[in-house]
C-alpha atoms as a PDB file:
ATOM      1  CA  MET A   1       0.000   0.000   0.000  1.00  0.00           C
ATOM      2  CA  GLU A   2       1.274   3.445  -0.832  1.00  0.00           C
ATOM      3  CA  HIS A   3       1.178   6.236   1.744  1.00  0.00           C
ATOM      4  CA  VAL A   4      -0.240   9.695   1.187  1.00  0.00           C
ATOM      5  CA  ASP A   5       1.234  12.871   2.694  1.00  0.00           C
ATOM      6  CA  GLU A   6      -0.445  16.247   2.601  1.00  0.00           C
ATOM      7  CA  VAL A   7       2.011  19.068   1.924  1.00  0.00           C
ATOM      8  CA  GLY A   8       0.295  22.430   1.886  1.00  0.00           C
ATOM      9  CA  GLU A   9      -2.490  22.071  -0.648  1.00  0.00           C
ATOM     10  CA  HIS A  10      -0.783  19.156  -2.404  1.00  0.00           C
ATOM     11  CA  VAL A  11      -1.337  15.489  -1.677  1.00  0.00           C
ATOM     12  CA  LEU A  12       1.741  13.400  -2.442  1.00  0.00           C
ATOM     13  CA  GLU A  13       2.048   9.636  -2.484  1.00  0.00           C
ATOM     14  CA  ARG A  14       5.111   7.841  -1.265  1.00  0.00           C
ATOM     15  CA  ALA A  15       6.202   4.289  -1.938  1.00  0.00           C
ATOM     16  CA  ASP A  16       5.959   1.801   0.919  1.00  0.00           C
ATOM     17  CA  VAL A  17       9.470   0.321   0.693  1.00  0.00           C
ATOM     18  CA  PRO A  18      10.408  -1.784   3.746  1.00  0.00           C
ATOM     19  CA  ASP A  19      13.868  -2.833   2.501  1.00  0.00           C
ATOM     20  CA  GLY A  20      15.874  -3.787  -0.582  1.00  0.00           C
ATOM     21  CA  VAL A  21      17.152  -1.781  -3.525  1.00  0.00           C
ATOM     22  CA  VAL A  22      15.169   1.192  -4.829  1.00  0.00           C
ATOM     23  CA  VAL A  23      15.545   2.510  -8.370  1.00  0.00           C
ATOM     24  CA  GLY A  24      13.972   5.558  -9.962  1.00  0.00           C
ATOM     25  CA  VAL A  25      12.633   4.973 -13.472  1.00  0.00           C
ATOM     26  CA  ASP A  26      11.126   7.560 -15.825  1.00  0.00           C
ATOM     27  CA  GLY A  27      11.562   5.760 -19.160  1.00  0.00           C
ATOM     28  CA  SER A  28      14.703   7.681 -20.160  1.00  0.00           C
ATOM     29  CA  ALA A  29      17.775   5.769 -21.369  1.00  0.00           C
ATOM     30  CA  SER A  30      19.588   6.862 -18.213  1.00  0.00           C
ATOM     31  CA  SER A  31      16.882   5.449 -15.951  1.00  0.00           C
ATOM     32  CA  LEU A  32      16.833   2.161 -17.876  1.00  0.00           C
ATOM     33  CA  ARG A  33      20.588   1.799 -17.302  1.00  0.00           C
ATOM     34  CA  ALA A  34      19.904   2.500 -13.624  1.00  0.00           C
ATOM     35  CA  LEU A  35      17.175  -0.183 -13.622  1.00  0.00           C
ATOM     36  CA  ARG A  36      19.551  -2.820 -14.973  1.00  0.00           C
ATOM     37  CA  ALA A  37      22.271  -1.825 -12.487  1.00  0.00           C
ATOM     38  CA  ALA A  38      19.777  -1.867  -9.595  1.00  0.00           C
ATOM     39  CA  ALA A  39      18.566  -5.347 -10.575  1.00  0.00           C
ATOM     40  CA  GLU A  40      22.157  -6.597 -10.490  1.00  0.00           C
ATOM     41  CA  GLU A  41      22.679  -4.987  -7.060  1.00  0.00           C
ATOM     42  CA  ALA A  42      19.484  -6.634  -5.771  1.00  0.00           C
ATOM     43  CA  ARG A  43      20.669 -10.027  -7.112  1.00  0.00           C
ATOM     44  CA  LEU A  44      24.073  -9.610  -5.451  1.00  0.00           C
ATOM     45  CA  ARG A  45      22.454  -8.598  -2.161  1.00  0.00           C
ATOM     46  CA  GLY A  46      19.715 -11.249  -2.330  1.00  0.00           C
ATOM     47  CA  CYS A  47      16.942  -8.727  -1.806  1.00  0.00           C
ATOM     48  CA  ALA A  48      13.905  -7.214  -3.486  1.00  0.00           C
ATOM     49  CA  LEU A  49      14.004  -4.554  -6.185  1.00  0.00           C
ATOM     50  CA  HIS A  50      11.589  -1.639  -5.787  1.00  0.00           C
ATOM     51  CA  VAL A  51      11.037   0.254  -9.034  1.00  0.00           C
ATOM     52  CA  VAL A  52       9.708   3.734  -8.284  1.00  0.00           C
ATOM     53  CA  ARG A  53       8.065   5.777 -11.036  1.00  0.00           C
ATOM     54  CA  ALA A  54       7.233   9.130  -9.494  1.00  0.00           C
ATOM     55  CA  TRP A  55       4.944  11.166 -11.713  1.00  0.00           C
ATOM     56  CA  THR A  56       3.093  14.465 -11.840  1.00  0.00           C
ATOM     57  CA  LEU A  57       0.430  15.652 -14.256  1.00  0.00           C
ATOM     58  CA  ARG A  58       3.219  17.376 -16.205  1.00  0.00           C
ATOM     59  CA  THR A  59       5.327  14.214 -16.544  1.00  0.00           C
ATOM     60  CA  ALA A  60       2.718  11.442 -16.796  1.00  0.00           C
ATOM     61  CA  PRO A  61       1.848  10.053 -20.224  1.00  0.00           C
ATOM     62  CA  ARG A  62      -1.806  10.564 -21.170  1.00  0.00           C
ATOM     63  CA  PRO A  63      -3.764   7.298 -21.115  1.00  0.00           C
ATOM     64  CA  PRO A  64      -4.505   6.427 -24.771  1.00  0.00           C
ATOM     65  CA  ASP A  65      -8.050   5.221 -24.085  1.00  0.00           C
ATOM     66  CA  CYS A  66      -9.142   8.610 -22.715  1.00  0.00           C
ATOM     67  CA  PRO A  67     -11.484  10.326 -25.224  1.00  0.00           C
ATOM     68  CA  PRO A  68     -10.246  13.526 -26.912  1.00  0.00           C
ATOM     69  CA  GLY A  69     -11.182  16.610 -24.932  1.00  0.00           C
ATOM     70  CA  ALA A  70     -11.661  14.624 -21.711  1.00  0.00           C
ATOM     71  CA  VAL A  71      -9.346  14.957 -18.735  1.00  0.00           C
ATOM     72  CA  PRO A  72      -8.201  11.637 -17.265  1.00  0.00           C
ATOM     73  CA  SER A  73      -8.679  11.119 -13.537  1.00  0.00           C
ATOM     74  CA  LEU A  74      -5.675  10.749 -11.231  1.00  0.00           C
ATOM     75  CA  ALA A  75      -6.545   7.053 -10.938  1.00  0.00           C
ATOM     76  CA  GLU A  76      -6.484   6.671 -14.744  1.00  0.00           C
ATOM     77  CA  TYR A  77      -3.107   8.405 -14.926  1.00  0.00           C
ATOM     78  CA  SER A  78      -1.763   6.264 -12.091  1.00  0.00           C
ATOM     79  CA  ASP A  79      -2.981   3.010 -13.647  1.00  0.00           C
ATOM     80  CA  TYR A  80      -1.477   3.906 -17.019  1.00  0.00           C
ATOM     81  CA  VAL A  81       1.857   4.981 -15.506  1.00  0.00           C
ATOM     82  CA  ARG A  82       2.013   1.710 -13.521  1.00  0.00           C
ATOM     83  CA  GLU A  83       1.185  -0.324 -16.647  1.00  0.00           C
ATOM     84  CA  GLN A  84       3.855   1.464 -18.703  1.00  0.00           C
ATOM     85  CA  THR A  85       6.452   1.018 -15.946  1.00  0.00           C
ATOM     86  CA  GLU A  86       5.659  -2.683 -15.552  1.00  0.00           C
ATOM     87  CA  GLU A  87       6.138  -3.103 -19.317  1.00  0.00           C
ATOM     88  CA  LEU A  88       9.519  -1.317 -19.150  1.00  0.00           C
ATOM     89  CA  VAL A  89      10.630  -3.557 -16.295  1.00  0.00           C
ATOM     90  CA  THR A  90       9.660  -6.696 -18.231  1.00  0.00           C
ATOM     91  CA  GLU A  91      11.412  -5.421 -21.382  1.00  0.00           C
ATOM     92  CA  GLN A  92      14.601  -4.642 -19.468  1.00  0.00           C
ATOM     93  CA  LEU A  93      14.733  -7.526 -16.952  1.00  0.00           C
ATOM     94  CA  GLY A  94      12.652 -10.241 -18.611  1.00  0.00           C
ATOM     95  CA  ALA A  95       9.494 -11.953 -17.401  1.00  0.00           C
ATOM     96  CA  GLU A  96      11.412 -13.902 -14.727  1.00  0.00           C
ATOM     97  CA  PRO A  97      14.147 -11.596 -13.372  1.00  0.00           C
ATOM     98  CA  GLY A  98      15.162 -14.015 -10.589  1.00  0.00           C
ATOM     99  CA  ILE A  99      14.490 -11.459  -7.831  1.00  0.00           C
ATOM    100  CA  PRO A 100      11.319 -10.096  -6.262  1.00  0.00           C
ATOM    101  CA  VAL A 101      10.325  -6.921  -8.137  1.00  0.00           C
ATOM    102  CA  ARG A 102       7.693  -4.453  -7.014  1.00  0.00           C
ATOM    103  CA  VAL A 103       6.605  -1.464  -9.096  1.00  0.00           C
ATOM    104  CA  HIS A 104       5.497   1.698  -7.290  1.00  0.00           C
ATOM    105  CA  ALA A 105       3.761   4.343  -9.420  1.00  0.00           C
ATOM    106  CA  ILE A 106       3.412   7.323  -7.114  1.00  0.00           C
ATOM    107  CA  HIS A 107       1.925  10.769  -7.676  1.00  0.00           C
ATOM    108  CA  SER A 108       4.851  12.849  -6.427  1.00  0.00           C
ATOM    109  CA  PRO A 109       7.736  14.913  -7.771  1.00  0.00           C
ATOM    110  CA  SER A 110      10.663  12.564  -8.425  1.00  0.00           C
ATOM    111  CA  PRO A 111      13.168  13.839  -5.836  1.00  0.00           C
ATOM    112  CA  GLN A 112      10.677  13.756  -2.967  1.00  0.00           C
ATOM    113  CA  GLY A 113       9.308  10.364  -3.988  1.00  0.00           C
ATOM    114  CA  LEU A 114      12.730   8.745  -4.253  1.00  0.00           C
ATOM    115  CA  ILE A 115      14.075  10.317  -1.061  1.00  0.00           C
ATOM    116  CA  ALA A 116      11.022   9.100   0.884  1.00  0.00           C
ATOM    117  CA  ALA A 117      11.444   5.602  -0.616  1.00  0.00           C
ATOM    118  CA  SER A 118      15.082   5.543   0.574  1.00  0.00           C
ATOM    119  CA  THR A 119      14.145   5.599   4.274  1.00  0.00           C
ATOM    120  CA  HIS A 120      14.462   1.825   4.833  1.00  0.00           C
ATOM    121  CA  ALA A 121      16.276   0.870   1.622  1.00  0.00           C
ATOM    122  CA  ALA A 122      19.741  -0.672   1.447  1.00  0.00           C
ATOM    123  CA  LEU A 123      20.568   1.309  -1.704  1.00  0.00           C
ATOM    124  CA  LEU A 124      18.986   3.926  -3.978  1.00  0.00           C
ATOM    125  CA  VAL A 125      19.946   3.816  -7.665  1.00  0.00           C
ATOM    126  CA  VAL A 126      19.339   6.713 -10.063  1.00  0.00           C
ATOM    127  CA  GLY A 127      20.454   7.626 -13.556  1.00  0.00           C
ATOM    128  CA  HIS A 128      22.837  10.527 -14.091  1.00  0.00           C
ATOM    129  CA  ARG A 129      20.208  12.563 -15.942  1.00  0.00           C
ATOM    130  CA  GLY A 130      16.687  11.621 -16.971  1.00  0.00           C
ATOM    131  CA  ARG A 131      13.928  13.593 -18.643  1.00  0.00           C
ATOM    132  CA  GLY A 132      14.469  17.330 -18.414  1.00  0.00           C
ATOM    133  CA  GLY A 133      17.295  19.202 -16.790  1.00  0.00           C
ATOM    134  CA  PHE A 134      20.258  20.915 -18.375  1.00  0.00           C
ATOM    135  CA  ALA A 135      22.656  18.961 -20.564  1.00  0.00           C
ATOM    136  CA  GLY A 136      25.721  20.621 -19.022  1.00  0.00           C
ATOM    137  CA  LEU A 137      25.031  19.494 -15.460  1.00  0.00           C
ATOM    138  CA  VAL A 138      27.341  16.864 -13.996  1.00  0.00           C
ATOM    139  CA  LEU A 139      24.328  15.394 -12.200  1.00  0.00           C
ATOM    140  CA  GLY A 140      20.703  15.924 -13.045  1.00  0.00           C
ATOM    141  CA  SER A 141      18.619  17.719 -10.445  1.00  0.00           C
ATOM    142  CA  VAL A 142      16.938  14.499  -9.286  1.00  0.00           C
ATOM    143  CA  ALA A 143      20.264  12.681  -8.846  1.00  0.00           C
ATOM    144  CA  ASP A 144      21.723  15.706  -7.090  1.00  0.00           C
ATOM    145  CA  GLN A 145      18.820  15.909  -4.640  1.00  0.00           C
ATOM    146  CA  CYS A 146      19.001  12.160  -3.980  1.00  0.00           C
ATOM    147  CA  VAL A 147      22.754  12.247  -3.337  1.00  0.00           C
ATOM    148  CA  ARG A 148      22.271  15.146  -0.910  1.00  0.00           C
ATOM    149  CA  HIS A 149      19.180  13.942   0.953  1.00  0.00           C
ATOM    150  CA  ALA A 150      18.653  10.170   0.613  1.00  0.00           C
ATOM    151  CA  ARG A 151      18.591   8.152   3.798  1.00  0.00           C
ATOM    152  CA  CYS A 152      20.710   5.323   2.367  1.00  0.00           C
ATOM    153  CA  PRO A 153      23.714   4.999   0.045  1.00  0.00           C
ATOM    154  CA  VAL A 154      23.079   6.256  -3.503  1.00  0.00           C
ATOM    155  CA  LEU A 155      24.487   4.815  -6.731  1.00  0.00           C
ATOM    156  CA  VAL A 156      24.383   7.229  -9.676  1.00  0.00           C
ATOM    157  CA  VAL A 157      24.665   5.287 -12.930  1.00  0.00           C
ATOM    158  CA  ARG A 158      26.570   7.153 -15.633  1.00  0.00           C
ATOM    159  CA  PRO A 159      26.318   6.378 -19.358  1.00  0.00           C
ATOM    160  CA  ASN A 160      28.969   4.276 -21.029  1.00  0.00           C
ATOM    161  CA  ILE A 161      31.693   6.639 -22.156  1.00  0.00           C
END
């Protein structure tokens, strides 16, 4: 079950992650590299992999079955984001990854969602730069915030150079 926090006028979800390796995935090439690295870390540690897809209305893909001119509900967005993330996980790790995998699709800005998920995690894995940000940054803003504020060790996965 996901938890809900009220922050000002905003209601944010947070992933219920009791242990294991957490990875942030947004569909970018960087996050998919992070997913594969996190799966390997979970295998080496013999623990679960928690795939966190934090989304906002600005970053969530529009559900394709929503009629033109209609506004999808938060539940429709959440279901579609979860479905898309589960498909990415299967594409990247296979149908039987050999480790327990749990997908968390949470309505929250990425840094806050990942930092909250790190509370009881053994490791948080993020890509060096996902969707958005400035190309010249050494770390993307999400990775930077996670490195600064996560409650567990953080692995930032860089691209192959």
